[in-house]
N, C-alpha and C. Protein backbone atom coordinates (compact mmCIF):
# COMPACT_ATOMS: atom_id res chain seq x y z
N MET A 1 21.09 21.31 -15.61
CA MET A 1 20.64 20.85 -13.60
C MET A 1 21.48 21.85 -13.22
N LYS A 2 21.40 23.18 -12.40
CA LYS A 2 21.63 24.09 -11.34
C LYS A 2 21.80 23.77 -10.00
N MET A 3 23.17 23.60 -9.38
CA MET A 3 23.56 23.06 -8.23
C MET A 3 24.29 24.55 -7.27
N LEU A 4 24.62 24.29 -6.17
CA LEU A 4 24.58 25.28 -5.78
C LEU A 4 26.32 25.68 -5.77
N TYR A 5 26.41 27.01 -5.23
CA TYR A 5 28.27 27.09 -5.18
C TYR A 5 28.90 27.19 -7.22
N GLY A 6 27.42 27.76 -7.76
CA GLY A 6 28.19 27.77 -8.81
C GLY A 6 28.73 26.88 -10.07
N TYR A 7 27.99 25.35 -9.47
CA TYR A 7 28.65 24.35 -10.24
C TYR A 7 27.25 23.96 -10.60
N THR A 8 27.56 23.48 -12.17
CA THR A 8 26.17 23.07 -12.93
C THR A 8 27.09 21.35 -12.94
N LEU A 9 25.56 20.99 -13.34
CA LEU A 9 25.91 19.25 -13.55
C LEU A 9 24.49 19.12 -14.41
N GLU A 10 24.92 18.74 -15.40
CA GLU A 10 24.12 18.38 -16.84
C GLU A 10 23.12 16.96 -16.40
N TRP A 11 22.99 16.53 -16.99
CA TRP A 11 21.95 15.14 -16.80
C TRP A 11 22.59 13.80 -17.27
N ASP A 12 23.59 14.57 -18.92
CA ASP A 12 24.34 13.09 -18.42
C ASP A 12 25.55 13.06 -17.68
N GLN A 13 26.09 13.85 -16.84
CA GLN A 13 26.68 13.96 -15.91
C GLN A 13 26.39 13.07 -15.26
N LEU A 14 25.28 13.53 -14.33
CA LEU A 14 24.30 12.39 -13.44
C LEU A 14 24.03 11.23 -13.73
N ALA A 15 24.09 10.78 -15.10
CA ALA A 15 24.01 9.49 -15.58
C ALA A 15 25.15 8.92 -15.01
N GLU A 16 26.38 9.21 -15.61
CA GLU A 16 27.58 8.80 -15.22
C GLU A 16 27.88 8.30 -13.99
N TRP A 17 27.15 9.13 -12.87
CA TRP A 17 27.48 8.91 -11.57
C TRP A 17 26.33 8.16 -11.16
N LEU A 18 25.37 7.19 -11.76
CA LEU A 18 24.58 7.21 -10.93
C LEU A 18 24.74 5.40 -10.57
N PRO A 19 25.71 4.72 -11.55
CA PRO A 19 26.18 3.41 -10.80
C PRO A 19 26.45 3.48 -9.58
N ILE A 20 27.41 4.88 -9.26
CA ILE A 20 27.89 4.85 -8.01
C ILE A 20 27.27 4.99 -6.68
N LEU A 21 26.42 5.67 -7.31
CA LEU A 21 25.45 6.08 -6.26
C LEU A 21 24.39 5.10 -5.89
N MET A 22 23.97 4.38 -6.54
CA MET A 22 22.93 3.11 -7.17
C MET A 22 23.11 2.13 -5.58
N PRO A 23 24.46 1.53 -5.16
CA PRO A 23 24.40 0.54 -4.31
C PRO A 23 23.87 1.46 -2.97
N PHE A 24 24.65 2.93 -2.93
CA PHE A 24 24.01 3.30 -1.32
C PHE A 24 22.66 3.68 -1.47
N ILE A 25 22.18 4.04 -2.49
CA ILE A 25 20.41 4.23 -2.77
C ILE A 25 19.77 2.99 -1.91
N VAL A 26 20.11 2.09 -2.41
CA VAL A 26 19.45 0.81 -2.33
C VAL A 26 19.94 0.45 -0.89
N LEU A 27 21.07 0.47 -0.49
CA LEU A 27 21.11 -0.33 0.91
C LEU A 27 20.72 1.19 1.76
N ASN A 28 20.26 2.55 1.56
CA ASN A 28 19.57 3.22 2.61
C ASN A 28 18.07 2.75 2.53
N LEU A 29 17.34 2.32 1.11
CA LEU A 29 16.43 1.76 1.36
C LEU A 29 15.88 0.39 2.11
N ILE A 30 16.61 -0.08 1.92
CA ILE A 30 16.93 -1.56 2.74
C ILE A 30 16.98 -1.05 4.50
N LEU A 31 17.50 -0.31 5.06
CA LEU A 31 18.25 -0.29 6.12
C LEU A 31 17.14 0.58 6.70
N ILE A 32 16.19 1.32 6.18
CA ILE A 32 14.95 2.08 6.32
C ILE A 32 14.07 1.07 6.82
N ALA A 33 13.93 0.30 5.31
CA ALA A 33 12.47 -0.40 5.81
C ALA A 33 12.84 -1.67 7.05
N ALA A 34 13.73 -2.23 7.34
CA ALA A 34 14.34 -2.87 8.50
C ALA A 34 14.03 -2.27 9.86
N ALA A 35 14.57 -1.03 9.78
CA ALA A 35 14.32 -0.36 10.97
C ALA A 35 13.13 -0.21 11.41
N LEU A 36 12.85 0.00 10.27
CA LEU A 36 10.64 0.32 10.33
C LEU A 36 10.13 -1.20 10.87
N TRP A 37 10.33 -1.88 9.97
CA TRP A 37 9.98 -3.23 10.05
C TRP A 37 10.06 -3.75 11.36
N ASP A 38 11.32 -3.28 12.19
CA ASP A 38 11.61 -3.98 13.77
C ASP A 38 11.02 -2.63 14.40
N ILE A 39 10.63 -1.31 14.58
CA ILE A 39 9.73 -0.23 15.19
C ILE A 39 8.46 -1.01 14.99
N ILE A 40 8.09 -1.34 14.42
CA ILE A 40 6.38 -1.41 14.15
C ILE A 40 5.93 -2.93 15.06
N ARG A 41 7.01 -3.55 15.42
CA ARG A 41 7.07 -5.17 15.72
C ARG A 41 7.75 -5.30 17.26
N SER A 42 7.96 -3.65 17.56
CA SER A 42 9.00 -3.82 19.28
C SER A 42 7.24 -3.24 19.62
N ASP A 43 7.36 -3.50 21.16
CA ASP A 43 6.60 -3.12 22.28
C ASP A 43 7.33 -2.14 22.80
N ARG A 44 7.45 -0.97 22.08
CA ARG A 44 7.54 0.17 22.63
C ARG A 44 6.08 0.95 22.78
N ASN A 45 6.18 2.19 23.84
CA ASN A 45 5.31 2.99 23.64
C ASN A 45 5.09 3.82 22.04
N ARG A 46 3.78 4.42 22.17
CA ARG A 46 3.32 5.15 20.93
C ARG A 46 4.51 5.89 20.50
N GLU A 47 4.99 6.94 21.79
CA GLU A 47 5.88 8.04 21.36
C GLU A 47 7.15 7.73 20.95
N SER A 48 7.24 6.71 21.33
CA SER A 48 8.86 6.03 21.21
C SER A 48 8.89 5.53 19.62
N LYS A 49 8.01 4.87 19.17
CA LYS A 49 7.77 4.68 18.12
C LYS A 49 7.73 5.76 16.59
N TRP A 50 6.80 6.51 17.06
CA TRP A 50 6.72 7.56 16.26
C TRP A 50 8.08 8.32 16.14
N LEU A 51 9.01 8.73 17.39
CA LEU A 51 9.94 9.11 17.16
C LEU A 51 11.37 8.39 16.19
N TRP A 52 11.64 7.33 16.62
CA TRP A 52 12.87 6.17 15.79
C TRP A 52 11.97 6.10 14.41
N ALA A 53 10.86 6.16 14.36
CA ALA A 53 10.23 5.82 13.09
C ALA A 53 10.58 7.40 12.37
N ALA A 54 10.29 8.38 12.66
CA ALA A 54 10.85 9.91 12.23
C ALA A 54 12.08 9.94 11.68
N ILE A 55 12.97 9.67 12.76
CA ILE A 55 14.44 9.44 12.61
C ILE A 55 15.19 8.69 12.04
N SER A 56 14.42 7.30 11.64
CA SER A 56 15.10 6.59 11.02
C SER A 56 14.94 7.06 9.17
N VAL A 57 13.41 7.59 8.73
CA VAL A 57 13.20 8.24 7.76
C VAL A 57 13.84 9.57 7.51
N PHE A 58 14.09 10.36 8.21
CA PHE A 58 14.77 11.77 7.75
C PHE A 58 15.81 11.94 8.21
N VAL A 59 16.58 10.98 8.89
CA VAL A 59 18.36 11.70 8.99
C VAL A 59 18.75 10.24 8.15
N SER A 60 18.25 9.80 6.87
CA SER A 60 18.33 9.18 5.83
C SER A 60 19.69 8.07 6.55
N MET A 61 20.68 7.71 6.42
CA MET A 61 21.53 6.44 6.63
C MET A 61 21.78 6.29 8.00
N LEU A 62 21.95 7.86 8.43
CA LEU A 62 22.69 7.53 9.91
C LEU A 62 21.47 7.12 10.48
N GLY A 63 19.94 7.68 10.11
CA GLY A 63 19.04 7.02 11.21
C GLY A 63 18.74 5.94 11.59
N PRO A 64 19.09 5.22 11.23
CA PRO A 64 18.39 3.67 11.03
C PRO A 64 19.74 3.18 12.16
N ILE A 65 20.60 3.13 11.41
CA ILE A 65 22.16 2.88 12.17
C ILE A 65 22.24 3.35 13.59
N LEU A 66 21.57 4.84 13.92
CA LEU A 66 21.59 5.18 15.35
C LEU A 66 20.28 3.97 15.90
N TYR A 67 19.00 4.07 15.14
CA TYR A 67 17.91 3.07 15.64
C TYR A 67 19.06 1.50 15.90
N PHE A 68 19.89 1.03 15.40
CA PHE A 68 19.56 -0.22 15.80
C PHE A 68 20.76 -0.16 16.41
N ALA A 69 21.84 1.17 16.64
CA ALA A 69 22.90 1.10 17.70
C ALA A 69 22.40 1.15 18.96
N ILE A 70 21.35 2.09 19.07
CA ILE A 70 20.65 3.10 20.46
C ILE A 70 19.61 2.67 20.86
N GLY A 71 18.45 2.43 19.73
CA GLY A 71 17.48 2.35 19.83
C GLY A 71 16.55 0.97 20.76
N ARG A 72 17.35 -0.01 20.19
CA ARG A 72 17.03 -1.70 20.54
C ARG A 72 16.99 -1.43 21.85
N ARG A 73 18.04 -0.91 22.40
CA ARG A 73 18.68 -1.21 23.74
C ARG A 73 17.74 -0.80 24.69
N GLY A 74 16.75 0.24 24.42
CA GLY A 74 15.85 0.70 25.12
C GLY A 74 14.47 -0.58 25.54
N ARG A 75 14.79 -1.40 25.17
CA ARG A 75 13.27 -2.69 24.95
C ARG A 75 13.46 -3.15 26.42
């Protein structure tokens, strides 16, 4: 697999990193699911829900953290 900046990463090297990356991937999915569940159940207007849902999904781990730190105060 060819990466940017001239660094190549083979599949066996990726398999070595997978145990380290897996907890972050699982944590990210849990955060996204919890944020989306809270957004759906909230009594916000529709535009605000769509905006926070997009931020939570597309900004990866930081999106749900921003929602729980900032977005829930707007209720």
